Amino acid sequence: MARPAAFKLGKSSNPTMTKEDVNKLIEKKAYELYEKRGRKAGHSIDDWLEAERIVKGKLSR
């Protein structure tokens, strides 16, 4: 599986992002967290929830 591209969000983020756009960002961030942990299985829900917190926190700025 190819590594998804990294993303950056800031104050200039597109305010008209769809739910699908947000979910794609969360998916990419969750994969980054998985890789950072050394690709150890068994933490997908934790990765998703942490990625969701990070992405939604950046979008709410």
PDB file of N, CA and C in Angstrom:
ATOM      1  N   MET A   1       0.842  -1.172   0.000  1.00  0.00           N
ATOM      2  CA  MET A   1       0.000   0.000   0.000  1.00  0.00           C
ATOM      3  C   MET A   1       0.889   1.238   0.000  1.00  0.00           C
ATOM      4  N   ALA A   2       0.604   2.128  -0.875  1.00  0.00           N
ATOM      5  CA  ALA A   2       1.392   3.356  -0.973  1.00  0.00           C
ATOM      6  C   ALA A   2       1.084   4.277   0.189  1.00  0.00           C
ATOM      7  N   ARG A   3       2.066   4.999   0.598  1.00  0.00           N
ATOM      8  CA  ARG A   3       1.900   5.939   1.697  1.00  0.00           C
ATOM      9  C   ARG A   3       1.122   7.165   1.210  1.00  0.00           C
ATOM     10  N   PRO A   4       0.048   7.523   1.918  1.00  0.00           N
ATOM     11  CA  PRO A   4      -0.696   8.723   1.526  1.00  0.00           C
ATOM     12  C   PRO A   4       0.151   9.974   1.736  1.00  0.00           C
ATOM     13  N   ALA A   5      -0.096  10.969   0.933  1.00  0.00           N
ATOM     14  CA  ALA A   5       0.631  12.231   1.058  1.00  0.00           C
ATOM     15  C   ALA A   5       0.276  12.911   2.370  1.00  0.00           C
ATOM     16  N   ALA A   6       1.222  13.624   2.929  1.00  0.00           N
ATOM     17  CA  ALA A   6       0.983  14.369   4.168  1.00  0.00           C
ATOM     18  C   ALA A   6       0.090  15.559   3.864  1.00  0.00           C
ATOM     19  N   PHE A   7      -0.547  16.066   4.881  1.00  0.00           N
ATOM     20  CA  PHE A   7      -1.400  17.229   4.680  1.00  0.00           C
ATOM     21  C   PHE A   7      -1.123  18.255   5.760  1.00  0.00           C
ATOM     22  N   LYS A   8      -1.442  19.467   5.456  1.00  0.00           N
ATOM     23  CA  LYS A   8      -1.302  20.552   6.414  1.00  0.00           C
ATOM     24  C   LYS A   8      -2.557  21.393   6.353  1.00  0.00           C
ATOM     25  N   LEU A   9      -3.017  21.783   7.501  1.00  0.00           N
ATOM     26  CA  LEU A   9      -4.185  22.648   7.590  1.00  0.00           C
ATOM     27  C   LEU A   9      -3.803  23.893   8.352  1.00  0.00           C
ATOM     28  N   GLY A  10      -4.463  24.933   8.052  1.00  0.00           N
ATOM     29  CA  GLY A  10      -4.211  26.185   8.762  1.00  0.00           C
ATOM     30  C   GLY A  10      -5.397  27.100   8.614  1.00  0.00           C
ATOM     31  N   LYS A  11      -5.213  28.343   8.928  1.00  0.00           N
ATOM     32  CA  LYS A  11      -6.299  29.296   8.864  1.00  0.00           C
ATOM     33  C   LYS A  11      -6.820  29.491   7.446  1.00  0.00           C
ATOM     34  N   SER A  12      -6.028  29.150   6.456  1.00  0.00           N
ATOM     35  CA  SER A  12      -6.450  29.333   5.071  1.00  0.00           C
ATOM     36  C   SER A  12      -7.163  28.104   4.519  1.00  0.00           C
ATOM     37  N   SER A  13      -7.564  27.159   5.382  1.00  0.00           N
ATOM     38  CA  SER A  13      -8.251  25.961   4.926  1.00  0.00           C
ATOM     39  C   SER A  13      -9.561  26.317   4.243  1.00  0.00           C
ATOM     40  N   ASN A  14      -9.951  25.484   3.305  1.00  0.00           N
ATOM     41  CA  ASN A  14     -11.193  25.688   2.579  1.00  0.00           C
ATOM     42  C   ASN A  14     -12.376  25.456   3.513  1.00  0.00           C
ATOM     43  N   PRO A  15     -13.188  26.472   3.779  1.00  0.00           N
ATOM     44  CA  PRO A  15     -14.304  26.318   4.710  1.00  0.00           C
ATOM     45  C   PRO A  15     -15.452  25.493   4.140  1.00  0.00           C
ATOM     46  N   THR A  16     -15.399  25.133   2.872  1.00  0.00           N
ATOM     47  CA  THR A  16     -16.481  24.374   2.258  1.00  0.00           C
ATOM     48  C   THR A  16     -16.103  22.913   2.062  1.00  0.00           C
ATOM     49  N   MET A  17     -15.311  22.368   2.929  1.00  0.00           N
ATOM     50  CA  MET A  17     -14.909  20.966   2.822  1.00  0.00           C
ATOM     51  C   MET A  17     -16.115  20.074   3.091  1.00  0.00           C
ATOM     52  N   THR A  18     -16.222  19.011   2.321  1.00  0.00           N
ATOM     53  CA  THR A  18     -17.298  18.056   2.523  1.00  0.00           C
ATOM     54  C   THR A  18     -16.909  17.069   3.621  1.00  0.00           C
ATOM     55  N   LYS A  19     -17.887  16.311   4.072  1.00  0.00           N
ATOM     56  CA  LYS A  19     -17.617  15.276   5.069  1.00  0.00           C
ATOM     57  C   LYS A  19     -16.617  14.258   4.510  1.00  0.00           C
ATOM     58  N   GLU A  20     -16.733  13.973   3.220  1.00  0.00           N
ATOM     59  CA  GLU A  20     -15.807  13.039   2.581  1.00  0.00           C
ATOM     60  C   GLU A  20     -14.379  13.587   2.582  1.00  0.00           C
ATOM     61  N   ASP A  21     -14.237  14.899   2.345  1.00  0.00           N
ATOM     62  CA  ASP A  21     -12.911  15.530   2.379  1.00  0.00           C
ATOM     63  C   ASP A  21     -12.296  15.394   3.770  1.00  0.00           C
ATOM     64  N   VAL A  22     -13.094  15.655   4.781  1.00  0.00           N
ATOM     65  CA  VAL A  22     -12.609  15.567   6.160  1.00  0.00           C
ATOM     66  C   VAL A  22     -12.227  14.124   6.474  1.00  0.00           C
ATOM     67  N   ASN A  23     -13.050  13.175   6.063  1.00  0.00           N
ATOM     68  CA  ASN A  23     -12.740  11.766   6.320  1.00  0.00           C
ATOM     69  C   ASN A  23     -11.452  11.334   5.629  1.00  0.00           C
ATOM     70  N   LYS A  24     -11.187  11.860   4.441  1.00  0.00           N
ATOM     71  CA  LYS A  24      -9.925  11.540   3.746  1.00  0.00           C
ATOM     72  C   LYS A  24      -8.731  12.074   4.535  1.00  0.00           C
ATOM     73  N   LEU A  25      -8.864  13.278   5.078  1.00  0.00           N
ATOM     74  CA  LEU A  25      -7.783  13.846   5.895  1.00  0.00           C
ATOM     75  C   LEU A  25      -7.560  13.018   7.150  1.00  0.00           C
ATOM     76  N   ILE A  26      -8.663  12.595   7.776  1.00  0.00           N
ATOM     77  CA  ILE A  26      -8.561  11.765   8.980  1.00  0.00           C
ATOM     78  C   ILE A  26      -7.894  10.435   8.641  1.00  0.00           C
ATOM     79  N   GLU A  27      -8.271   9.851   7.527  1.00  0.00           N
ATOM     80  CA  GLU A  27      -7.672   8.587   7.100  1.00  0.00           C
ATOM     81  C   GLU A  27      -6.172   8.728   6.888  1.00  0.00           C
ATOM     82  N   LYS A  28      -5.763   9.794   6.239  1.00  0.00           N
ATOM     83  CA  LYS A  28      -4.326  10.030   6.011  1.00  0.00           C
ATOM     84  C   LYS A  28      -3.587  10.213   7.327  1.00  0.00           C
ATOM     85  N   LYS A  29      -4.170  10.973   8.236  1.00  0.00           N
ATOM     86  CA  LYS A  29      -3.520  11.208   9.526  1.00  0.00           C
ATOM     87  C   LYS A  29      -3.452   9.916  10.338  1.00  0.00           C
ATOM     88  N   ALA A  30      -4.509   9.120  10.305  1.00  0.00           N
ATOM     89  CA  ALA A  30      -4.516   7.843  11.027  1.00  0.00           C
ATOM     90  C   ALA A  30      -3.411   6.930  10.498  1.00  0.00           C
ATOM     91  N   TYR A  31      -3.206   6.940   9.196  1.00  0.00           N
ATOM     92  CA  TYR A  31      -2.141   6.129   8.604  1.00  0.00           C
ATOM     93  C   TYR A  31      -0.770   6.632   9.046  1.00  0.00           C
ATOM     94  N   GLU A  32      -0.614   7.938   9.129  1.00  0.00           N
ATOM     95  CA  GLU A  32       0.650   8.505   9.620  1.00  0.00           C
ATOM     96  C   GLU A  32       0.907   8.059  11.060  1.00  0.00           C
ATOM     97  N   LEU A  33      -0.117   8.039  11.886  1.00  0.00           N
ATOM     98  CA  LEU A  33       0.032   7.599  13.274  1.00  0.00           C
ATOM     99  C   LEU A  33       0.413   6.119  13.333  1.00  0.00           C
ATOM    100  N   TYR A  34      -0.204   5.317  12.479  1.00  0.00           N
ATOM    101  CA  TYR A  34       0.107   3.893  12.374  1.00  0.00           C
ATOM    102  C   TYR A  34       1.574   3.687  12.000  1.00  0.00           C
ATOM    103  N   GLU A  35       2.030   4.434  11.019  1.00  0.00           N
ATOM    104  CA  GLU A  35       3.430   4.325  10.609  1.00  0.00           C
ATOM    105  C   GLU A  35       4.382   4.791  11.706  1.00  0.00           C
ATOM    106  N   LYS A  36       4.013   5.857  12.383  1.00  0.00           N
ATOM    107  CA  LYS A  36       4.866   6.399  13.448  1.00  0.00           C
ATOM    108  C   LYS A  36       5.051   5.375  14.571  1.00  0.00           C
ATOM    109  N   ARG A  37       4.044   4.547  14.806  1.00  0.00           N
ATOM    110  CA  ARG A  37       4.105   3.529  15.840  1.00  0.00           C
ATOM    111  C   ARG A  37       4.850   2.288  15.354  1.00  0.00           C
ATOM    112  N   GLY A  38       5.335   2.305  14.126  1.00  0.00           N
ATOM    113  CA  GLY A  38       6.095   1.168  13.617  1.00  0.00           C
ATOM    114  C   GLY A  38       5.221   0.132  12.928  1.00  0.00           C
ATOM    115  N   ARG A  39       4.074   0.548  12.441  1.00  0.00           N
ATOM    116  CA  ARG A  39       3.143  -0.318  11.718  1.00  0.00           C
ATOM    117  C   ARG A  39       2.686  -1.509  12.535  1.00  0.00           C
ATOM    118  N   LYS A  40       2.536  -1.311  13.827  1.00  0.00           N
ATOM    119  CA  LYS A  40       2.046  -2.375  14.706  1.00  0.00           C
ATOM    120  C   LYS A  40       0.525  -2.402  14.660  1.00  0.00           C
ATOM    121  N   ALA A  41      -0.010  -3.565  14.334  1.00  0.00           N
ATOM    122  CA  ALA A  41      -1.460  -3.734  14.209  1.00  0.00           C
ATOM    123  C   ALA A  41      -2.138  -3.703  15.585  1.00  0.00           C
ATOM    124  N   GLY A  42      -3.453  -3.514  15.559  1.00  0.00           N
ATOM    125  CA  GLY A  42      -4.234  -3.607  16.784  1.00  0.00           C
ATOM    126  C   GLY A  42      -4.624  -2.275  17.399  1.00  0.00           C
ATOM    127  N   HIS A  43      -4.301  -1.178  16.725  1.00  0.00           N
ATOM    128  CA  HIS A  43      -4.603   0.143  17.279  1.00  0.00           C
ATOM    129  C   HIS A  43      -5.375   1.018  16.295  1.00  0.00           C
ATOM    130  N   SER A  44      -6.058   0.397  15.343  1.00  0.00           N
ATOM    131  CA  SER A  44      -6.706   1.183  14.289  1.00  0.00           C
ATOM    132  C   SER A  44      -7.773   2.126  14.831  1.00  0.00           C
ATOM    133  N   ILE A  45      -8.541   1.694  15.806  1.00  0.00           N
ATOM    134  CA  ILE A  45      -9.578   2.573  16.370  1.00  0.00           C
ATOM    135  C   ILE A  45      -8.928   3.734  17.108  1.00  0.00           C
ATOM    136  N   ASP A  46      -7.892   3.440  17.882  1.00  0.00           N
ATOM    137  CA  ASP A  46      -7.178   4.508  18.590  1.00  0.00           C
ATOM    138  C   ASP A  46      -6.570   5.504  17.605  1.00  0.00           C
ATOM    139  N   ASP A  47      -5.975   4.994  16.533  1.00  0.00           N
ATOM    140  CA  ASP A  47      -5.389   5.870  15.512  1.00  0.00           C
ATOM    141  C   ASP A  47      -6.464   6.742  14.878  1.00  0.00           C
ATOM    142  N   TRP A  48      -7.606   6.141  14.545  1.00  0.00           N
ATOM    143  CA  TRP A  48      -8.681   6.899  13.904  1.00  0.00           C
ATOM    144  C   TRP A  48      -9.186   8.007  14.832  1.00  0.00           C
ATOM    145  N   LEU A  49      -9.440   7.669  16.082  1.00  0.00           N
ATOM    146  CA  LEU A  49      -9.964   8.662  17.025  1.00  0.00           C
ATOM    147  C   LEU A  49      -8.969   9.788  17.278  1.00  0.00           C
ATOM    148  N   GLU A  50      -7.697   9.451  17.383  1.00  0.00           N
ATOM    149  CA  GLU A  50      -6.666  10.478  17.567  1.00  0.00           C
ATOM    150  C   GLU A  50      -6.555  11.349  16.322  1.00  0.00           C
ATOM    151  N   ALA A  51      -6.583  10.735  15.155  1.00  0.00           N
ATOM    152  CA  ALA A  51      -6.521  11.493  13.902  1.00  0.00           C
ATOM    153  C   ALA A  51      -7.734  12.408  13.771  1.00  0.00           C
ATOM    154  N   GLU A  52      -8.888  11.918  14.142  1.00  0.00           N
ATOM    155  CA  GLU A  52     -10.114  12.719  14.085  1.00  0.00           C
ATOM    156  C   GLU A  52      -9.994  13.941  15.001  1.00  0.00           C
ATOM    157  N   ARG A  53      -9.465  13.717  16.199  1.00  0.00           N
ATOM    158  CA  ARG A  53      -9.271  14.831  17.145  1.00  0.00           C
ATOM    159  C   ARG A  53      -8.315  15.867  16.571  1.00  0.00           C
ATOM    160  N   ILE A  54      -7.213  15.405  15.991  1.00  0.00           N
ATOM    161  CA  ILE A  54      -6.203  16.318  15.439  1.00  0.00           C
ATOM    162  C   ILE A  54      -6.770  17.102  14.265  1.00  0.00           C
ATOM    163  N   VAL A  55      -7.374  16.408  13.314  1.00  0.00           N
ATOM    164  CA  VAL A  55      -7.887  17.060  12.108  1.00  0.00           C
ATOM    165  C   VAL A  55      -9.003  18.036  12.444  1.00  0.00           C
ATOM    166  N   LYS A  56      -9.965  17.606  13.238  1.00  0.00           N
ATOM    167  CA  LYS A  56     -11.088  18.494  13.566  1.00  0.00           C
ATOM    168  C   LYS A  56     -10.628  19.672  14.400  1.00  0.00           C
ATOM    169  N   GLY A  57      -9.615  19.469  15.230  1.00  0.00           N
ATOM    170  CA  GLY A  57      -9.052  20.580  15.987  1.00  0.00           C
ATOM    171  C   GLY A  57      -8.414  21.613  15.076  1.00  0.00           C
ATOM    172  N   LYS A  58      -7.712  21.165  14.057  1.00  0.00           N
ATOM    173  CA  LYS A  58      -7.091  22.089  13.106  1.00  0.00           C
ATOM    174  C   LYS A  58      -8.128  22.788  12.251  1.00  0.00           C
ATOM    175  N   LEU A  59      -9.204  22.085  11.913  1.00  0.00           N
ATOM    176  CA  LEU A  59     -10.242  22.693  11.083  1.00  0.00           C
ATOM    177  C   LEU A  59     -11.054  23.730  11.841  1.00  0.00           C
ATOM    178  N   SER A  60     -11.132  23.598  13.149  1.00  0.00           N
ATOM    179  CA  SER A  60     -11.956  24.527  13.926  1.00  0.00           C
ATOM    180  C   SER A  60     -11.243  25.843  14.250  1.00  0.00           C
ATOM    181  N   ARG A  61      -9.976  25.936  13.897  1.00  0.00           N
ATOM    182  CA  ARG A  61      -9.218  27.171  14.169  1.00  0.00           C
ATOM    183  C   ARG A  61      -9.693  28.300  13.328  1.00  0.00           C
TER     184      ARG A  61
END
